[in-house]
C-alpha atoms as a PDB file:
ATOM      1  CA  MET A   1     105.453  48.904 153.381  1.00  0.00           C
ATOM      2  CA  PRO A   2     109.070  49.546 154.564  1.00  0.00           C
ATOM      3  CA  HIS A   3     108.276  47.942 157.930  1.00  0.00           C
ATOM      4  CA  ARG A   4     106.945  44.808 156.199  1.00  0.00           C
ATOM      5  CA  LYS A   5     109.999  44.596 153.948  1.00  0.00           C
ATOM      6  CA  ARG A   6     112.281  44.940 156.957  1.00  0.00           C
ATOM      7  CA  ALA A   7     110.391  42.193 158.807  1.00  0.00           C
ATOM      8  CA  ASP A   8     110.557  39.915 155.738  1.00  0.00           C
ATOM      9  CA  LEU A   9     114.309  40.448 155.377  1.00  0.00           C
ATOM     10  CA  LEU A  10     114.865  39.781 159.074  1.00  0.00           C
ATOM     11  CA  ALA A  11     112.820  36.571 158.843  1.00  0.00           C
ATOM     12  CA  ALA A  12     114.768  35.414 155.765  1.00  0.00           C
ATOM     13  CA  ALA A  13     118.134  36.149 157.399  1.00  0.00           C
ATOM     14  CA  THR A  14     117.110  34.460 160.635  1.00  0.00           C
ATOM     15  CA  ALA A  15     115.940  31.341 158.775  1.00  0.00           C
ATOM     16  CA  PHE A  16     119.210  31.234 156.816  1.00  0.00           C
ATOM     17  CA  CYS A  17     121.343  31.585 159.961  1.00  0.00           C
ATOM     18  CA  GLU A  18     119.266  29.055 161.893  1.00  0.00           C
ATOM     19  CA  ALA A  19     119.828  26.517 159.099  1.00  0.00           C
ATOM     20  CA  PHE A  20     123.537  26.742 159.967  1.00  0.00           C
ATOM     21  CA  ALA A  21     123.024  26.734 163.712  1.00  0.00           C
ATOM     22  CA  GLN A  22     120.858  23.611 163.428  1.00  0.00           C
ATOM     23  CA  LYS A  23     123.389  21.935 161.085  1.00  0.00           C
ATOM     24  CA  LYS A  24     120.838  21.490 158.326  1.00  0.00           C
ATOM     25  CA  SER A  25     121.758  19.595 155.157  1.00  0.00           C
ATOM     26  CA  PRO A  26     123.597  21.337 152.310  1.00  0.00           C
ATOM     27  CA  ASP A  27     120.397  21.154 150.247  1.00  0.00           C
ATOM     28  CA  GLU A  28     118.462  22.935 153.012  1.00  0.00           C
ATOM     29  CA  ILE A  29     121.117  25.648 153.251  1.00  0.00           C
ATOM     30  CA  MET A  30     121.171  26.015 149.456  1.00  0.00           C
ATOM     31  CA  SER A  31     117.382  26.435 149.459  1.00  0.00           C
ATOM     32  CA  HIS A  32     117.934  29.850 151.052  1.00  0.00           C
ATOM     33  CA  PHE A  33     119.968  31.002 148.030  1.00  0.00           C
ATOM     34  CA  SER A  34     118.610  32.583 144.877  1.00  0.00           C
ATOM     35  CA  THR A  35     118.417  30.469 141.739  1.00  0.00           C
ATOM     36  CA  SER A  36     120.197  33.308 139.915  1.00  0.00           C
ATOM     37  CA  PRO A  37     123.483  32.243 138.312  1.00  0.00           C
ATOM     38  CA  ASP A  38     125.101  35.352 139.811  1.00  0.00           C
ATOM     39  CA  ILE A  39     125.129  34.348 143.506  1.00  0.00           C
ATOM     40  CA  LEU A  40     128.337  34.607 145.516  1.00  0.00           C
ATOM     41  CA  ALA A  41     129.941  33.211 148.664  1.00  0.00           C
ATOM     42  CA  TYR A  42     133.102  34.930 149.858  1.00  0.00           C
ATOM     43  CA  GLU A  43     135.001  34.530 153.115  1.00  0.00           C
ATOM     44  CA  HIS A  44     137.450  37.360 153.663  1.00  0.00           C
ATOM     45  CA  GLY A  45     141.059  36.473 154.367  1.00  0.00           C
ATOM     46  CA  LEU A  46     144.317  35.499 152.699  1.00  0.00           C
ATOM     47  CA  LYS A  47     143.734  32.611 150.298  1.00  0.00           C
ATOM     48  CA  GLU A  48     147.044  31.081 151.421  1.00  0.00           C
ATOM     49  CA  LEU A  49     145.665  30.471 154.934  1.00  0.00           C
ATOM     50  CA  ALA A  50     142.786  28.113 154.108  1.00  0.00           C
ATOM     51  CA  PRO A  51     141.147  26.711 150.954  1.00  0.00           C
ATOM     52  CA  PHE A  52     137.881  28.597 151.580  1.00  0.00           C
ATOM     53  CA  LEU A  53     139.433  32.039 152.203  1.00  0.00           C
ATOM     54  CA  GLY A  54     139.946  34.897 149.767  1.00  0.00           C
ATOM     55  CA  ARG A  55     138.259  33.179 146.807  1.00  0.00           C
ATOM     56  CA  GLU A  56     135.012  34.038 145.110  1.00  0.00           C
ATOM     57  CA  PHE A  57     132.685  31.037 144.909  1.00  0.00           C
ATOM     58  CA  ARG A  58     130.199  32.037 142.180  1.00  0.00           C
ATOM     59  CA  GLY A  59     126.960  30.479 141.008  1.00  0.00           C
ATOM     60  CA  ARG A  60     125.065  27.651 142.682  1.00  0.00           C
ATOM     61  CA  ASP A  61     127.858  25.151 141.973  1.00  0.00           C
ATOM     62  CA  GLY A  62     130.459  27.537 143.361  1.00  0.00           C
ATOM     63  CA  VAL A  63     128.478  28.245 146.529  1.00  0.00           C
ATOM     64  CA  ARG A  64     127.905  24.514 147.018  1.00  0.00           C
ATOM     65  CA  GLU A  65     131.677  23.998 146.587  1.00  0.00           C
ATOM     66  CA  TYR A  66     132.330  26.632 149.275  1.00  0.00           C
ATOM     67  CA  PHE A  67     130.134  24.790 151.771  1.00  0.00           C
ATOM     68  CA  GLN A  68     131.673  21.424 150.837  1.00  0.00           C
ATOM     69  CA  THR A  69     135.163  22.880 151.329  1.00  0.00           C
ATOM     70  CA  ILE A  70     134.206  24.353 154.700  1.00  0.00           C
ATOM     71  CA  SER A  71     132.683  21.073 155.882  1.00  0.00           C
ATOM     72  CA  SER A  72     135.770  19.119 154.797  1.00  0.00           C
ATOM     73  CA  CYS A  73     137.955  21.345 157.002  1.00  0.00           C
ATOM     74  CA  LEU A  74     135.811  22.476 159.936  1.00  0.00           C
ATOM     75  CA  SER A  75     133.177  21.313 162.346  1.00  0.00           C
ATOM     76  CA  TYR A  76     131.299  23.547 164.762  1.00  0.00           C
ATOM     77  CA  ASP A  77     129.142  23.490 167.862  1.00  0.00           C
ATOM     78  CA  ASN A  78     126.975  25.936 169.783  1.00  0.00           C
ATOM     79  CA  MET A  79     126.466  28.299 166.858  1.00  0.00           C
ATOM     80  CA  GLN A  80     124.300  31.275 167.758  1.00  0.00           C
ATOM     81  CA  PHE A  81     123.359  34.515 166.012  1.00  0.00           C
ATOM     82  CA  ALA A  82     122.424  37.937 167.391  1.00  0.00           C
ATOM     83  CA  ASP A  83     122.510  41.643 166.629  1.00  0.00           C
ATOM     84  CA  TYR A  84     120.819  41.546 163.234  1.00  0.00           C
ATOM     85  CA  VAL A  85     120.994  44.868 161.369  1.00  0.00           C
ATOM     86  CA  VAL A  86     118.587  45.225 158.439  1.00  0.00           C
ATOM     87  CA  ASP A  87     118.941  47.699 155.575  1.00  0.00           C
ATOM     88  CA  ALA A  88     115.590  47.358 153.790  1.00  0.00           C
ATOM     89  CA  ALA A  89     116.496  49.949 151.152  1.00  0.00           C
ATOM     90  CA  GLU A  90     119.451  47.843 149.970  1.00  0.00           C
ATOM     91  CA  ASN A  91     118.052  44.355 150.750  1.00  0.00           C
ATOM     92  CA  ARG A  92     120.959  43.667 153.109  1.00  0.00           C
ATOM     93  CA  VAL A  93     121.306  42.139 156.553  1.00  0.00           C
ATOM     94  CA  ALA A  94     124.394  42.015 158.762  1.00  0.00           C
ATOM     95  CA  VAL A  95     124.580  39.658 161.720  1.00  0.00           C
ATOM     96  CA  ARG A  96     127.044  38.618 164.414  1.00  0.00           C
ATOM     97  CA  GLY A  97     127.566  34.947 165.178  1.00  0.00           C
ATOM     98  CA  THR A  98     129.435  32.903 167.756  1.00  0.00           C
ATOM     99  CA  ALA A  99     130.460  29.244 167.709  1.00  0.00           C
ATOM    100  CA  ARG A 100     133.072  26.741 168.747  1.00  0.00           C
ATOM    101  CA  PHE A 101     135.004  25.681 165.618  1.00  0.00           C
ATOM    102  CA  THR A 102     137.303  22.677 165.251  1.00  0.00           C
ATOM    103  CA  TRP A 103     139.757  22.036 162.437  1.00  0.00           C
ATOM    104  CA  THR A 104     138.900  18.401 161.813  1.00  0.00           C
ATOM    105  CA  SER A 105     142.299  17.051 160.724  1.00  0.00           C
ATOM    106  CA  SER A 106     144.152  18.448 163.773  1.00  0.00           C
ATOM    107  CA  GLY A 107     141.310  18.327 166.286  1.00  0.00           C
ATOM    108  CA  GLU A 108     142.234  21.817 167.480  1.00  0.00           C
ATOM    109  CA  GLY A 109     139.366  24.154 168.290  1.00  0.00           C
ATOM    110  CA  TRP A 110     138.640  27.742 169.222  1.00  0.00           C
ATOM    111  CA  ASP A 111     135.751  29.944 170.261  1.00  0.00           C
ATOM    112  CA  GLU A 112     135.000  32.565 167.667  1.00  0.00           C
ATOM    113  CA  VAL A 113     132.924  35.646 166.982  1.00  0.00           C
ATOM    114  CA  PHE A 114     132.238  36.144 163.271  1.00  0.00           C
ATOM    115  CA  ALA A 115     130.061  38.304 161.040  1.00  0.00           C
ATOM    116  CA  TYR A 116     127.894  37.686 157.990  1.00  0.00           C
ATOM    117  CA  ALA A 117     126.844  40.270 155.437  1.00  0.00           C
ATOM    118  CA  LEU A 118     123.896  39.007 153.403  1.00  0.00           C
ATOM    119  CA  ARG A 119     122.296  40.506 150.306  1.00  0.00           C
ATOM    120  CA  PHE A 120     118.862  39.327 149.189  1.00  0.00           C
ATOM    121  CA  ASP A 121     116.869  39.465 145.982  1.00  0.00           C
ATOM    122  CA  GLU A 122     113.224  40.546 145.812  1.00  0.00           C
ATOM    123  CA  GLU A 123     112.107  36.985 146.699  1.00  0.00           C
ATOM    124  CA  ARG A 124     114.148  37.184 149.945  1.00  0.00           C
ATOM    125  CA  LYS A 125     116.721  34.669 148.710  1.00  0.00           C
ATOM    126  CA  VAL A 126     120.446  35.172 149.368  1.00  0.00           C
ATOM    127  CA  THR A 127     122.421  36.500 146.411  1.00  0.00           C
ATOM    128  CA  ARG A 128     125.605  37.437 148.261  1.00  0.00           C
ATOM    129  CA  TYR A 129     127.024  35.766 151.380  1.00  0.00           C
ATOM    130  CA  GLU A 130     130.145  37.297 152.901  1.00  0.00           C
ATOM    131  CA  VAL A 131     131.932  36.122 156.046  1.00  0.00           C
ATOM    132  CA  TRP A 132     134.466  37.812 158.302  1.00  0.00           C
ATOM    133  CA  ALA A 133     136.001  35.368 160.775  1.00  0.00           C
ATOM    134  CA  ASP A 134     139.193  34.540 162.667  1.00  0.00           C
ATOM    135  CA  SER A 135     141.345  33.291 159.806  1.00  0.00           C
ATOM    136  CA  GLY A 136     144.426  33.320 162.042  1.00  0.00           C
ATOM    137  CA  ALA A 137     142.925  30.812 164.473  1.00  0.00           C
ATOM    138  CA  ALA A 138     141.771  28.643 161.569  1.00  0.00           C
ATOM    139  CA  TYR A 139     145.251  28.677 160.049  1.00  0.00           C
ATOM    140  CA  LEU A 140     147.020  27.847 163.303  1.00  0.00           C
ATOM    141  CA  ALA A 141     144.526  25.068 164.054  1.00  0.00           C
ATOM    142  CA  SER A 142     145.041  23.639 160.550  1.00  0.00           C
ATOM    143  CA  LYS A 143     148.779  23.409 161.286  1.00  0.00           C
ATOM    144  CA  GLY A 144     148.248  21.967 164.763  1.00  0.00           C
ATOM    145  CA  GLN A 145     149.837  25.053 166.361  1.00  0.00           C
ATOM    146  CA  LEU A 146     146.906  26.738 168.096  1.00  0.00           C
ATOM    147  CA  LYS A 147     147.133  24.835 171.373  1.00  0.00           C
ATOM    148  CA  GLU A 148     150.865  25.430 171.549  1.00  0.00           C
ATOM    149  CA  LEU A 149     150.469  29.140 170.950  1.00  0.00           C
ATOM    150  CA  ARG A 150     147.833  29.415 173.666  1.00  0.00           C
ATOM    151  CA  GLY A 151     149.885  27.294 176.041  1.00  0.00           C
ATOM    152  CA  ASP A 152     147.315  24.472 176.075  1.00  0.00           C
ATOM    153  CA  ARG A 153     149.056  21.212 176.812  1.00  0.00           C
ATOM    154  CA  ALA A 154     145.949  19.027 177.007  1.00  0.00           C
END
C-alpha cells in the first residue's frame, strides 16, 4: 500500500508540474487543486519586491488570483522539473524546477532554479502550493536593472 500511495503522489505532482511546463490554461492548472476552500498558494519572499511574493493566496479564488498576478508580471520558457522527493506519510512532494523567466514590462530575463513544496489531499489534489525562487532577480528585472547589474549591454 505505501508503494502505491507514493506512486500516486508522484504521478499527481508530475501532472501538476507538467501543466506548468506545457503552459496549460489556468483552468487546467486549477483542476489539479482541491475543491476545499482551505487551499493555499504562497511564494516565499518580501512582499515589497513583487505583488505575488510574501502573501497568502487562500481558497480557489485566491489561488486563481495568484496565477493571474504571476502571468501579468512574468513569462517563462523551457520549464523543466526533476528531483521529486515524495513523503507518502505526509502527502507531500518537493520538486526542483528550472526555467527562463522574463519580467514582461521590462523584457529582462534570467535563468532560474526554483523549488515547489506541494501538499495533497486524499484524492491527490493540491491543497498547499509553496514556491521558493529568485526574488532578487525578479525584483531587479521588474525595475529594469538586471542587465545593468550583470553587465549585459545588449
